[in-house]
């Protein structure tokens, strides 16, 4: 089973259990999300039953201090060869563009203080929280103001 944590109907994925804080409906396929708090996904699937957890622009709803506990919970749901993929905005890239006048103030405000935005993270802070929660980083990608991190369970971590 694959889990997709999303906050926009266009982010719903076919073949995944789609999780959101509110009911969303994909207009193309009619797929709806299951309402669930991403902080604790226990009960979405059995422990060890997920092959992938994909989080698309949902970490902005969490403060950095919450990330290790959230990732530790996600880890319990993953199969031993399962993976986590996280896509989010990158605070560091936004900050650089603001500092060098490459980002209009209204665009910066929308990126930093969007609806329900409690925290902005960087590829480094998310990677650090994943490692702290018992994951190994497989890859990191930065494109524009977004980053993507893929991680697997660290078999040597306790």
C-alpha atoms as a PDB file:
ATOM      1  CA  UNK A   1       0.000   0.000   0.000  1.00  0.00           C
ATOM      2  CA  UNK A   2       1.139   3.509  -0.799  1.00  0.00           C
ATOM      3  CA  UNK A   3       0.088   6.580   1.197  1.00  0.00           C
ATOM      4  CA  UNK A   4      -0.133  10.066  -0.306  1.00  0.00           C
ATOM      5  CA  UNK A   5      -0.454  13.008   2.087  1.00  0.00           C
ATOM      6  CA  UNK A   6      -1.820  15.965   0.148  1.00  0.00           C
ATOM      7  CA  UNK A   7      -3.680  19.238   0.584  1.00  0.00           C
ATOM      8  CA  UNK A   8      -4.860  19.964  -2.942  1.00  0.00           C
ATOM      9  CA  UNK A   9      -7.220  17.989  -5.226  1.00  0.00           C
ATOM     10  CA  UNK A  10      -4.631  18.130  -8.015  1.00  0.00           C
ATOM     11  CA  UNK A  11      -2.197  16.256  -5.736  1.00  0.00           C
ATOM     12  CA  UNK A  12      -4.439  13.188  -5.350  1.00  0.00           C
ATOM     13  CA  UNK A  13      -2.687  10.102  -6.730  1.00  0.00           C
ATOM     14  CA  UNK A  14      -4.328   7.065  -8.276  1.00  0.00           C
ATOM     15  CA  UNK A  15      -3.195   3.822  -6.630  1.00  0.00           C
ATOM     16  CA  UNK A  16      -2.513   5.477  -3.266  1.00  0.00           C
ATOM     17  CA  UNK A  17      -4.447   5.881  -0.031  1.00  0.00           C
ATOM     18  CA  UNK A  18      -4.880   9.656  -0.214  1.00  0.00           C
ATOM     19  CA  UNK A  19      -4.804  11.414   3.167  1.00  0.00           C
ATOM     20  CA  UNK A  20      -5.756  15.028   3.847  1.00  0.00           C
ATOM     21  CA  UNK A  21      -6.874  17.181   6.768  1.00  0.00           C
ATOM     22  CA  UNK A  22     -10.128  17.845   4.857  1.00  0.00           C
ATOM     23  CA  UNK A  23     -12.066  15.912   2.242  1.00  0.00           C
ATOM     24  CA  UNK A  24     -10.738  16.624  -1.245  1.00  0.00           C
ATOM     25  CA  UNK A  25     -12.082  15.292  -4.534  1.00  0.00           C
ATOM     26  CA  UNK A  26     -10.101  14.801  -7.709  1.00  0.00           C
ATOM     27  CA  UNK A  27     -12.322  16.187 -10.504  1.00  0.00           C
ATOM     28  CA  UNK A  28     -10.745  13.963 -13.158  1.00  0.00           C
ATOM     29  CA  UNK A  29     -11.050  10.570 -11.435  1.00  0.00           C
ATOM     30  CA  UNK A  30     -13.587  11.327  -8.695  1.00  0.00           C
ATOM     31  CA  UNK A  31     -11.162   9.998  -6.089  1.00  0.00           C
ATOM     32  CA  UNK A  32     -11.619  11.453  -2.613  1.00  0.00           C
ATOM     33  CA  UNK A  33      -9.189  11.692   0.268  1.00  0.00           C
ATOM     34  CA  UNK A  34      -9.504  10.093   3.673  1.00  0.00           C
ATOM     35  CA  UNK A  35      -9.548  12.703   6.437  1.00  0.00           C
ATOM     36  CA  UNK A  36      -6.687  11.954   8.813  1.00  0.00           C
ATOM     37  CA  UNK A  37      -4.108  13.894  10.823  1.00  0.00           C
ATOM     38  CA  UNK A  38      -0.709  13.418   9.196  1.00  0.00           C
ATOM     39  CA  UNK A  39       0.958  13.687  12.606  1.00  0.00           C
ATOM     40  CA  UNK A  40      -0.263  10.184  13.458  1.00  0.00           C
ATOM     41  CA  UNK A  41      -1.099   7.849  10.582  1.00  0.00           C
ATOM     42  CA  UNK A  42      -1.524   4.825  12.852  1.00  0.00           C
ATOM     43  CA  UNK A  43      -4.573   2.956  11.619  1.00  0.00           C
ATOM     44  CA  UNK A  44      -4.339   4.023   7.974  1.00  0.00           C
ATOM     45  CA  UNK A  45      -2.529   0.755   7.271  1.00  0.00           C
ATOM     46  CA  UNK A  46      -1.196  -1.978   9.534  1.00  0.00           C
ATOM     47  CA  UNK A  47       2.272  -1.486  10.985  1.00  0.00           C
ATOM     48  CA  UNK A  48       4.806  -2.370   8.313  1.00  0.00           C
ATOM     49  CA  UNK A  49       2.114  -2.367   5.630  1.00  0.00           C
ATOM     50  CA  UNK A  50       3.103   0.702   3.591  1.00  0.00           C
ATOM     51  CA  UNK A  51       5.653   0.557   0.795  1.00  0.00           C
ATOM     52  CA  UNK A  52       5.716   4.344   0.333  1.00  0.00           C
ATOM     53  CA  UNK A  53       4.628   7.513   2.110  1.00  0.00           C
ATOM     54  CA  UNK A  54       4.596  10.559  -0.165  1.00  0.00           C
ATOM     55  CA  UNK A  55       4.147  14.018   1.374  1.00  0.00           C
ATOM     56  CA  UNK A  56       3.474  16.776  -1.132  1.00  0.00           C
ATOM     57  CA  UNK A  57       3.692  20.292   0.324  1.00  0.00           C
ATOM     58  CA  UNK A  58       2.190  19.266   3.647  1.00  0.00           C
ATOM     59  CA  UNK A  59       5.119  19.835   6.020  1.00  0.00           C
ATOM     60  CA  UNK A  60       4.414  23.569   5.996  1.00  0.00           C
ATOM     61  CA  UNK A  61       1.588  22.751   8.418  1.00  0.00           C
ATOM     62  CA  UNK A  62       4.108  21.459  10.966  1.00  0.00           C
ATOM     63  CA  UNK A  63       6.700  23.169  13.105  1.00  0.00           C
ATOM     64  CA  UNK A  64      10.245  21.794  12.974  1.00  0.00           C
ATOM     65  CA  UNK A  65       9.934  20.496  16.544  1.00  0.00           C
ATOM     66  CA  UNK A  66       7.082  18.218  15.430  1.00  0.00           C
ATOM     67  CA  UNK A  67       8.947  16.561  12.550  1.00  0.00           C
ATOM     68  CA  UNK A  68      10.943  13.862  14.423  1.00  0.00           C
ATOM     69  CA  UNK A  69       7.815  12.473  16.137  1.00  0.00           C
ATOM     70  CA  UNK A  70       5.832  12.599  12.881  1.00  0.00           C
ATOM     71  CA  UNK A  71       8.582  10.823  10.942  1.00  0.00           C
ATOM     72  CA  UNK A  72       8.969   8.225  13.716  1.00  0.00           C
ATOM     73  CA  UNK A  73       5.233   7.488  13.419  1.00  0.00           C
ATOM     74  CA  UNK A  74       5.478   7.161   9.643  1.00  0.00           C
ATOM     75  CA  UNK A  75       8.431   4.794  10.076  1.00  0.00           C
ATOM     76  CA  UNK A  76       6.246   2.332  12.045  1.00  0.00           C
ATOM     77  CA  UNK A  77       3.910   2.043   9.057  1.00  0.00           C
ATOM     78  CA  UNK A  78       6.606   1.330   6.502  1.00  0.00           C
ATOM     79  CA  UNK A  79       7.648  -2.119   5.360  1.00  0.00           C
ATOM     80  CA  UNK A  80      11.371  -2.786   5.945  1.00  0.00           C
ATOM     81  CA  UNK A  81      12.088  -1.816   2.317  1.00  0.00           C
ATOM     82  CA  UNK A  82       9.588   1.068   2.334  1.00  0.00           C
ATOM     83  CA  UNK A  83      10.451   4.669   1.590  1.00  0.00           C
ATOM     84  CA  UNK A  84       9.393   8.209   2.433  1.00  0.00           C
ATOM     85  CA  UNK A  85       9.350  10.893  -0.261  1.00  0.00           C
ATOM     86  CA  UNK A  86       8.889  14.490   0.851  1.00  0.00           C
ATOM     87  CA  UNK A  87       8.318  17.452  -1.447  1.00  0.00           C
ATOM     88  CA  UNK A  88       8.178  20.932   0.075  1.00  0.00           C
ATOM     89  CA  UNK A  89       9.172  24.556  -0.319  1.00  0.00           C
ATOM     90  CA  UNK A  90      12.737  25.392   0.726  1.00  0.00           C
ATOM     91  CA  UNK A  91      13.084  28.325   3.120  1.00  0.00           C
ATOM     92  CA  UNK A  92      16.764  28.756   2.310  1.00  0.00           C
ATOM     93  CA  UNK A  93      16.139  29.126  -1.427  1.00  0.00           C
ATOM     94  CA  UNK A  94      13.313  31.605  -0.784  1.00  0.00           C
ATOM     95  CA  UNK A  95      15.531  33.587   1.607  1.00  0.00           C
ATOM     96  CA  UNK A  96      18.328  33.788  -0.961  1.00  0.00           C
ATOM     97  CA  UNK A  97      15.936  35.050  -3.622  1.00  0.00           C
ATOM     98  CA  UNK A  98      14.507  37.679  -1.244  1.00  0.00           C
ATOM     99  CA  UNK A  99      18.000  38.838  -0.243  1.00  0.00           C
ATOM    100  CA  UNK A 100      19.060  39.292  -3.860  1.00  0.00           C
ATOM    101  CA  UNK A 101      15.756  40.883  -5.033  1.00  0.00           C
ATOM    102  CA  UNK A 102      14.905  37.901  -7.234  1.00  0.00           C
ATOM    103  CA  UNK A 103      11.519  37.320  -5.592  1.00  0.00           C
ATOM    104  CA  UNK A 104       8.681  39.825  -5.471  1.00  0.00           C
ATOM    105  CA  UNK A 105       7.395  40.554  -1.938  1.00  0.00           C
ATOM    106  CA  UNK A 106       3.869  39.277  -2.707  1.00  0.00           C
ATOM    107  CA  UNK A 107       5.258  35.981  -4.028  1.00  0.00           C
ATOM    108  CA  UNK A 108       7.537  35.638  -0.978  1.00  0.00           C
ATOM    109  CA  UNK A 109       4.592  36.256   1.359  1.00  0.00           C
ATOM    110  CA  UNK A 110       2.489  33.645  -0.449  1.00  0.00           C
ATOM    111  CA  UNK A 111       5.291  31.078  -0.217  1.00  0.00           C
ATOM    112  CA  UNK A 112       6.163  31.814   3.406  1.00  0.00           C
ATOM    113  CA  UNK A 113       2.800  32.618   4.940  1.00  0.00           C
ATOM    114  CA  UNK A 114       0.292  30.654   2.894  1.00  0.00           C
ATOM    115  CA  UNK A 115      -2.873  29.221   4.349  1.00  0.00           C
ATOM    116  CA  UNK A 116      -2.168  27.048   7.413  1.00  0.00           C
ATOM    117  CA  UNK A 117       1.563  27.637   7.045  1.00  0.00           C
ATOM    118  CA  UNK A 118       3.122  27.046  10.465  1.00  0.00           C
ATOM    119  CA  UNK A 119       6.663  26.243   9.461  1.00  0.00           C
ATOM    120  CA  UNK A 120       9.071  26.565   6.604  1.00  0.00           C
ATOM    121  CA  UNK A 121      11.784  24.021   6.254  1.00  0.00           C
ATOM    122  CA  UNK A 122      14.930  23.470   4.260  1.00  0.00           C
ATOM    123  CA  UNK A 123      16.231  20.347   2.600  1.00  0.00           C
ATOM    124  CA  UNK A 124      18.775  20.247   5.435  1.00  0.00           C
ATOM    125  CA  UNK A 125      16.333  20.506   8.348  1.00  0.00           C
ATOM    126  CA  UNK A 126      13.995  17.872   6.887  1.00  0.00           C
ATOM    127  CA  UNK A 127      16.934  15.555   6.185  1.00  0.00           C
ATOM    128  CA  UNK A 128      18.197  16.055   9.735  1.00  0.00           C
ATOM    129  CA  UNK A 129      14.766  15.235  11.227  1.00  0.00           C
ATOM    130  CA  UNK A 130      14.497  12.111   9.043  1.00  0.00           C
ATOM    131  CA  UNK A 131      17.931  10.878  10.160  1.00  0.00           C
ATOM    132  CA  UNK A 132      17.047  11.630  13.792  1.00  0.00           C
ATOM    133  CA  UNK A 133      13.911   9.489  13.312  1.00  0.00           C
ATOM    134  CA  UNK A 134      15.820   6.472  12.003  1.00  0.00           C
ATOM    135  CA  UNK A 135      15.929   7.018   8.250  1.00  0.00           C
ATOM    136  CA  UNK A 136      18.779   7.029   5.744  1.00  0.00           C
ATOM    137  CA  UNK A 137      18.705   9.720   3.058  1.00  0.00           C
ATOM    138  CA  UNK A 138      18.709   8.189  -0.423  1.00  0.00           C
ATOM    139  CA  UNK A 139      18.492  11.363  -2.514  1.00  0.00           C
ATOM    140  CA  UNK A 140      17.952  15.125  -2.302  1.00  0.00           C
ATOM    141  CA  UNK A 141      16.825  17.344  -5.155  1.00  0.00           C
ATOM    142  CA  UNK A 142      16.331  21.113  -5.232  1.00  0.00           C
ATOM    143  CA  UNK A 143      14.468  22.789  -8.074  1.00  0.00           C
ATOM    144  CA  UNK A 144      13.522  26.442  -7.797  1.00  0.00           C
ATOM    145  CA  UNK A 145      11.890  26.996  -4.403  1.00  0.00           C
ATOM    146  CA  UNK A 146      11.095  23.311  -3.885  1.00  0.00           C
ATOM    147  CA  UNK A 147      13.029  20.369  -2.622  1.00  0.00           C
ATOM    148  CA  UNK A 148      12.442  16.636  -2.628  1.00  0.00           C
ATOM    149  CA  UNK A 149      14.014  14.188  -0.188  1.00  0.00           C
ATOM    150  CA  UNK A 150      13.766  10.405  -0.471  1.00  0.00           C
ATOM    151  CA  UNK A 151      14.637   8.276   2.555  1.00  0.00           C
ATOM    152  CA  UNK A 152      14.499   4.639   3.594  1.00  0.00           C
ATOM    153  CA  UNK A 153      14.495   2.985   7.000  1.00  0.00           C
ATOM    154  CA  UNK A 154      17.971   2.797   8.528  1.00  0.00           C
ATOM    155  CA  UNK A 155      18.270  -0.864   9.518  1.00  0.00           C
ATOM    156  CA  UNK A 156      21.035  -0.018  12.009  1.00  0.00           C
ATOM    157  CA  UNK A 157      19.031   2.676  13.824  1.00  0.00           C
ATOM    158  CA  UNK A 158      17.233   1.840  17.054  1.00  0.00           C
END
